[in-house]
Amino acid sequence: MASSPGNSGGERIEDVAQNAIRLAHKTLDRFPDVKRRHMVVAGGAALSSAIIAAAAVAIVRRVRSGSTEAEAVAEITADELENPNHNVDDDDSPASDPV
């Protein structure tokens, strides 16, 4: 099934998703202890999708605030990965959840 351009500015949805997942894994590679804590299959064969999603959200937040993808990957902290409600723009308060 082919995808059509959507809200991503004309990019195919698969391309956007693949890039986000690639960057999330690249980010997680910087934090082996975090990665190890979020292995879900006996023997550590798979990463929790929640930690991959948290990494992708952290990247998007930084890119939307003006960072390049490379800067976002380099600047993300382990705390941002394990506390995804953390707002990088305001260290004193958590990010609000959209309702």
N, C-alpha and C. Protein backbone atom coordinates (compact mmCIF):
# COMPACT_ATOMS: atom_id res chain seq x y z
N MET A 1 0.84 -1.17 0.00
CA MET A 1 0.00 0.00 0.00
C MET A 1 0.89 1.24 0.00
N ALA A 2 0.76 2.05 -0.98
CA ALA A 2 1.57 3.26 -1.08
C ALA A 2 0.96 4.36 -0.22
N SER A 3 1.85 5.17 0.34
CA SER A 3 1.32 6.27 1.15
C SER A 3 1.25 7.53 0.30
N SER A 4 0.40 8.41 0.72
CA SER A 4 0.27 9.68 0.00
C SER A 4 0.82 10.79 0.87
N PRO A 5 1.19 11.91 0.26
CA PRO A 5 1.66 13.03 1.07
C PRO A 5 0.60 13.44 2.06
N GLY A 6 1.04 13.81 3.25
CA GLY A 6 0.09 14.18 4.29
C GLY A 6 0.49 15.49 4.93
N ASN A 7 0.28 15.59 6.20
CA ASN A 7 0.57 16.80 6.94
C ASN A 7 2.06 17.02 7.17
N SER A 8 2.89 16.18 6.62
CA SER A 8 4.32 16.27 6.87
C SER A 8 5.03 17.19 5.88
N GLY A 9 4.31 18.03 5.18
CA GLY A 9 4.93 18.95 4.24
C GLY A 9 5.26 18.29 2.92
N GLY A 10 4.59 17.21 2.59
CA GLY A 10 4.80 16.57 1.31
C GLY A 10 5.65 15.32 1.37
N GLU A 11 6.35 15.11 2.47
CA GLU A 11 7.14 13.89 2.59
C GLU A 11 6.21 12.71 2.81
N ARG A 12 6.63 11.56 2.34
CA ARG A 12 5.84 10.37 2.59
C ARG A 12 5.90 10.04 4.07
N ILE A 13 4.79 9.59 4.62
CA ILE A 13 4.71 9.28 6.04
C ILE A 13 5.78 8.26 6.44
N GLU A 14 6.01 7.24 5.62
CA GLU A 14 7.02 6.24 5.96
C GLU A 14 8.40 6.88 6.09
N ASP A 15 8.73 7.84 5.23
CA ASP A 15 10.02 8.50 5.28
C ASP A 15 10.18 9.28 6.58
N VAL A 16 9.14 9.99 6.97
CA VAL A 16 9.18 10.77 8.21
C VAL A 16 9.33 9.83 9.40
N ALA A 17 8.54 8.76 9.43
CA ALA A 17 8.58 7.81 10.54
C ALA A 17 9.94 7.12 10.61
N GLN A 18 10.47 6.71 9.48
CA GLN A 18 11.78 6.05 9.46
C GLN A 18 12.86 6.99 9.97
N ASN A 19 12.82 8.25 9.59
CA ASN A 19 13.81 9.20 10.04
C ASN A 19 13.70 9.41 11.55
N ALA A 20 12.49 9.52 12.06
CA ALA A 20 12.29 9.71 13.50
C ALA A 20 12.80 8.51 14.28
N ILE A 21 12.52 7.33 13.80
CA ILE A 21 12.98 6.12 14.48
C ILE A 21 14.49 5.99 14.40
N ARG A 22 15.07 6.32 13.25
CA ARG A 22 16.53 6.28 13.09
C ARG A 22 17.20 7.23 14.07
N LEU A 23 16.69 8.45 14.17
CA LEU A 23 17.26 9.43 15.09
C LEU A 23 17.05 9.01 16.55
N ALA A 24 15.91 8.41 16.84
CA ALA A 24 15.65 7.93 18.21
C ALA A 24 16.67 6.87 18.60
N HIS A 25 16.93 5.93 17.71
CA HIS A 25 17.92 4.88 18.00
C HIS A 25 19.32 5.48 18.13
N LYS A 26 19.64 6.44 17.30
CA LYS A 26 20.94 7.11 17.37
C LYS A 26 21.10 7.80 18.73
N THR A 27 20.03 8.43 19.20
CA THR A 27 20.03 9.08 20.51
C THR A 27 20.21 8.05 21.61
N LEU A 28 19.44 6.98 21.56
CA LEU A 28 19.51 5.95 22.60
C LEU A 28 20.88 5.28 22.66
N ASP A 29 21.58 5.21 21.53
CA ASP A 29 22.92 4.63 21.51
C ASP A 29 23.89 5.42 22.39
N ARG A 30 23.58 6.69 22.65
CA ARG A 30 24.42 7.51 23.52
C ARG A 30 24.25 7.17 24.99
N PHE A 31 23.19 6.44 25.33
CA PHE A 31 22.86 6.14 26.72
C PHE A 31 22.68 4.64 26.94
N PRO A 32 23.79 3.88 26.99
CA PRO A 32 23.67 2.42 27.12
C PRO A 32 22.95 1.97 28.39
N ASP A 33 23.09 2.71 29.49
CA ASP A 33 22.40 2.32 30.72
C ASP A 33 20.89 2.49 30.58
N VAL A 34 20.46 3.59 29.97
CA VAL A 34 19.03 3.81 29.73
C VAL A 34 18.51 2.73 28.80
N LYS A 35 19.26 2.48 27.76
CA LYS A 35 18.86 1.48 26.77
C LYS A 35 18.71 0.11 27.44
N ARG A 36 19.67 -0.24 28.26
CA ARG A 36 19.65 -1.53 28.95
C ARG A 36 18.42 -1.66 29.86
N ARG A 37 18.06 -0.57 30.55
CA ARG A 37 16.90 -0.61 31.44
C ARG A 37 15.58 -0.78 30.69
N HIS A 38 15.58 -0.50 29.42
CA HIS A 38 14.33 -0.55 28.65
C HIS A 38 14.29 -1.69 27.64
N MET A 39 15.15 -2.69 27.85
CA MET A 39 15.07 -3.90 27.04
C MET A 39 13.90 -4.72 27.55
N VAL A 40 13.07 -5.24 26.65
CA VAL A 40 11.83 -5.87 27.08
C VAL A 40 11.75 -7.37 26.85
N VAL A 41 12.61 -7.93 26.06
CA VAL A 41 12.58 -9.36 25.80
C VAL A 41 13.74 -10.00 26.54
N ALA A 42 13.52 -11.18 27.09
CA ALA A 42 14.58 -11.88 27.81
C ALA A 42 15.85 -11.89 26.97
N GLY A 43 16.92 -11.51 27.57
CA GLY A 43 18.19 -11.45 26.85
C GLY A 43 18.42 -10.11 26.18
N GLY A 44 17.50 -9.18 26.33
CA GLY A 44 17.68 -7.85 25.77
C GLY A 44 17.60 -7.79 24.26
N ALA A 45 16.69 -8.55 23.68
CA ALA A 45 16.59 -8.60 22.23
C ALA A 45 15.78 -7.45 21.62
N ALA A 46 15.01 -6.73 22.42
CA ALA A 46 14.17 -5.67 21.87
C ALA A 46 14.07 -4.51 22.85
N LEU A 47 13.97 -3.32 22.30
CA LEU A 47 13.79 -2.11 23.10
C LEU A 47 12.32 -1.81 23.26
N SER A 48 11.95 -1.26 24.39
CA SER A 48 10.58 -0.83 24.62
C SER A 48 10.21 0.25 23.60
N SER A 49 9.03 0.15 23.02
CA SER A 49 8.60 1.18 22.08
C SER A 49 8.40 2.51 22.79
N ALA A 50 8.12 2.47 24.09
CA ALA A 50 7.92 3.71 24.85
C ALA A 50 9.20 4.55 24.89
N ILE A 51 10.36 3.92 25.06
CA ILE A 51 11.61 4.68 25.13
C ILE A 51 11.98 5.21 23.74
N ILE A 52 11.64 4.47 22.70
CA ILE A 52 11.89 4.95 21.34
C ILE A 52 10.99 6.16 21.06
N ALA A 53 9.74 6.07 21.48
CA ALA A 53 8.82 7.20 21.30
C ALA A 53 9.29 8.42 22.10
N ALA A 54 9.76 8.19 23.33
CA ALA A 54 10.25 9.30 24.16
C ALA A 54 11.44 9.99 23.49
N ALA A 55 12.33 9.20 22.90
CA ALA A 55 13.48 9.78 22.21
C ALA A 55 13.02 10.58 20.99
N ALA A 56 12.07 10.05 20.24
CA ALA A 56 11.56 10.76 19.07
C ALA A 56 10.89 12.08 19.47
N VAL A 57 10.12 12.07 20.55
CA VAL A 57 9.47 13.29 21.03
C VAL A 57 10.51 14.32 21.46
N ALA A 58 11.54 13.87 22.17
CA ALA A 58 12.60 14.79 22.61
C ALA A 58 13.31 15.43 21.41
N ILE A 59 13.53 14.64 20.36
CA ILE A 59 14.17 15.16 19.15
C ILE A 59 13.27 16.20 18.49
N VAL A 60 11.99 15.88 18.33
CA VAL A 60 11.06 16.81 17.70
C VAL A 60 10.97 18.11 18.48
N ARG A 61 10.91 18.03 19.80
CA ARG A 61 10.86 19.24 20.63
C ARG A 61 12.07 20.13 20.35
N ARG A 62 13.23 19.54 20.29
CA ARG A 62 14.45 20.33 20.08
C ARG A 62 14.51 20.89 18.65
N VAL A 63 14.13 20.08 17.68
CA VAL A 63 14.14 20.56 16.28
C VAL A 63 13.15 21.70 16.11
N ARG A 64 11.98 21.57 16.71
CA ARG A 64 10.98 22.64 16.61
C ARG A 64 11.43 23.92 17.32
N SER A 65 12.34 23.78 18.29
CA SER A 65 12.83 24.98 18.97
C SER A 65 14.09 25.52 18.31
N GLY A 66 14.45 25.00 17.13
CA GLY A 66 15.53 25.58 16.35
C GLY A 66 16.80 24.77 16.21
N SER A 67 16.91 23.63 16.87
CA SER A 67 18.11 22.80 16.75
C SER A 67 18.09 22.02 15.44
N THR A 68 19.26 21.67 14.95
CA THR A 68 19.34 20.75 13.82
C THR A 68 19.12 19.34 14.36
N GLU A 69 18.92 18.38 13.48
CA GLU A 69 18.76 17.00 13.93
C GLU A 69 19.99 16.54 14.68
N ALA A 70 21.19 16.86 14.16
CA ALA A 70 22.44 16.45 14.81
C ALA A 70 22.58 17.09 16.19
N GLU A 71 22.23 18.36 16.29
CA GLU A 71 22.29 19.05 17.59
C GLU A 71 21.31 18.43 18.56
N ALA A 72 20.11 18.13 18.08
CA ALA A 72 19.09 17.53 18.94
C ALA A 72 19.58 16.20 19.50
N VAL A 73 20.11 15.35 18.63
CA VAL A 73 20.61 14.04 19.08
C VAL A 73 21.73 14.22 20.10
N ALA A 74 22.62 15.18 19.87
CA ALA A 74 23.77 15.40 20.75
C ALA A 74 23.38 16.02 22.09
N GLU A 75 22.30 16.81 22.11
CA GLU A 75 21.95 17.58 23.32
C GLU A 75 20.96 16.89 24.24
N ILE A 76 20.29 15.87 23.77
CA ILE A 76 19.28 15.20 24.59
C ILE A 76 19.95 14.53 25.78
N THR A 77 19.29 14.63 26.93
CA THR A 77 19.82 14.03 28.16
C THR A 77 19.07 12.76 28.50
N ALA A 78 19.68 11.94 29.35
CA ALA A 78 19.02 10.72 29.81
C ALA A 78 17.74 11.07 30.56
N ASP A 79 17.74 12.18 31.29
CA ASP A 79 16.54 12.60 32.01
C ASP A 79 15.37 12.87 31.06
N GLU A 80 15.65 13.48 29.91
CA GLU A 80 14.59 13.73 28.93
C GLU A 80 14.00 12.42 28.41
N LEU A 81 14.84 11.40 28.27
CA LEU A 81 14.37 10.12 27.76
C LEU A 81 13.50 9.40 28.79
N GLU A 82 13.92 9.48 30.04
CA GLU A 82 13.20 8.74 31.07
C GLU A 82 12.07 9.55 31.71
N ASN A 83 12.03 10.84 31.44
CA ASN A 83 10.96 11.72 31.93
C ASN A 83 10.45 12.54 30.75
N PRO A 84 9.70 11.91 29.84
CA PRO A 84 9.31 12.57 28.59
C PRO A 84 8.43 13.79 28.75
N ASN A 85 7.86 14.04 29.92
CA ASN A 85 7.06 15.24 30.12
C ASN A 85 7.93 16.44 30.44
N HIS A 86 9.23 16.23 30.51
CA HIS A 86 10.18 17.32 30.78
C HIS A 86 10.17 18.29 29.61
N ASN A 87 10.03 19.57 29.89
CA ASN A 87 10.01 20.60 28.86
C ASN A 87 11.40 21.23 28.77
N VAL A 88 12.07 21.09 27.64
CA VAL A 88 13.43 21.62 27.49
C VAL A 88 13.46 23.13 27.50
N ASP A 89 12.34 23.79 27.22
CA ASP A 89 12.31 25.25 27.20
C ASP A 89 12.16 25.84 28.59
N ASP A 90 11.66 25.06 29.54
CA ASP A 90 11.40 25.55 30.88
C ASP A 90 11.73 24.47 31.89
N ASP A 91 12.93 24.50 32.44
CA ASP A 91 13.39 23.46 33.35
C ASP A 91 12.64 23.44 34.67
N ASP A 92 11.86 24.46 35.00
CA ASP A 92 11.19 24.52 36.28
C ASP A 92 9.82 23.86 36.30
N SER A 93 9.23 23.62 35.13
CA SER A 93 7.90 23.03 35.12
C SER A 93 7.80 21.97 34.04
N PRO A 94 6.98 20.92 34.29
CA PRO A 94 6.81 19.88 33.27
C PRO A 94 5.98 20.40 32.10
N ALA A 95 6.17 19.78 30.96
CA ALA A 95 5.38 20.14 29.79
C ALA A 95 3.94 19.73 30.02
N SER A 96 3.03 20.52 29.51
CA SER A 96 1.62 20.18 29.68
C SER A 96 1.21 19.14 28.66
N ASP A 97 0.34 18.24 29.06
CA ASP A 97 -0.18 17.24 28.15
C ASP A 97 -1.35 17.82 27.39
N PRO A 98 -1.39 17.66 26.07
CA PRO A 98 -2.56 18.12 25.33
C PRO A 98 -3.76 17.26 25.70
N VAL A 99 -4.89 17.87 25.83
CA VAL A 99 -6.10 17.14 26.21
C VAL A 99 -7.02 17.01 25.05
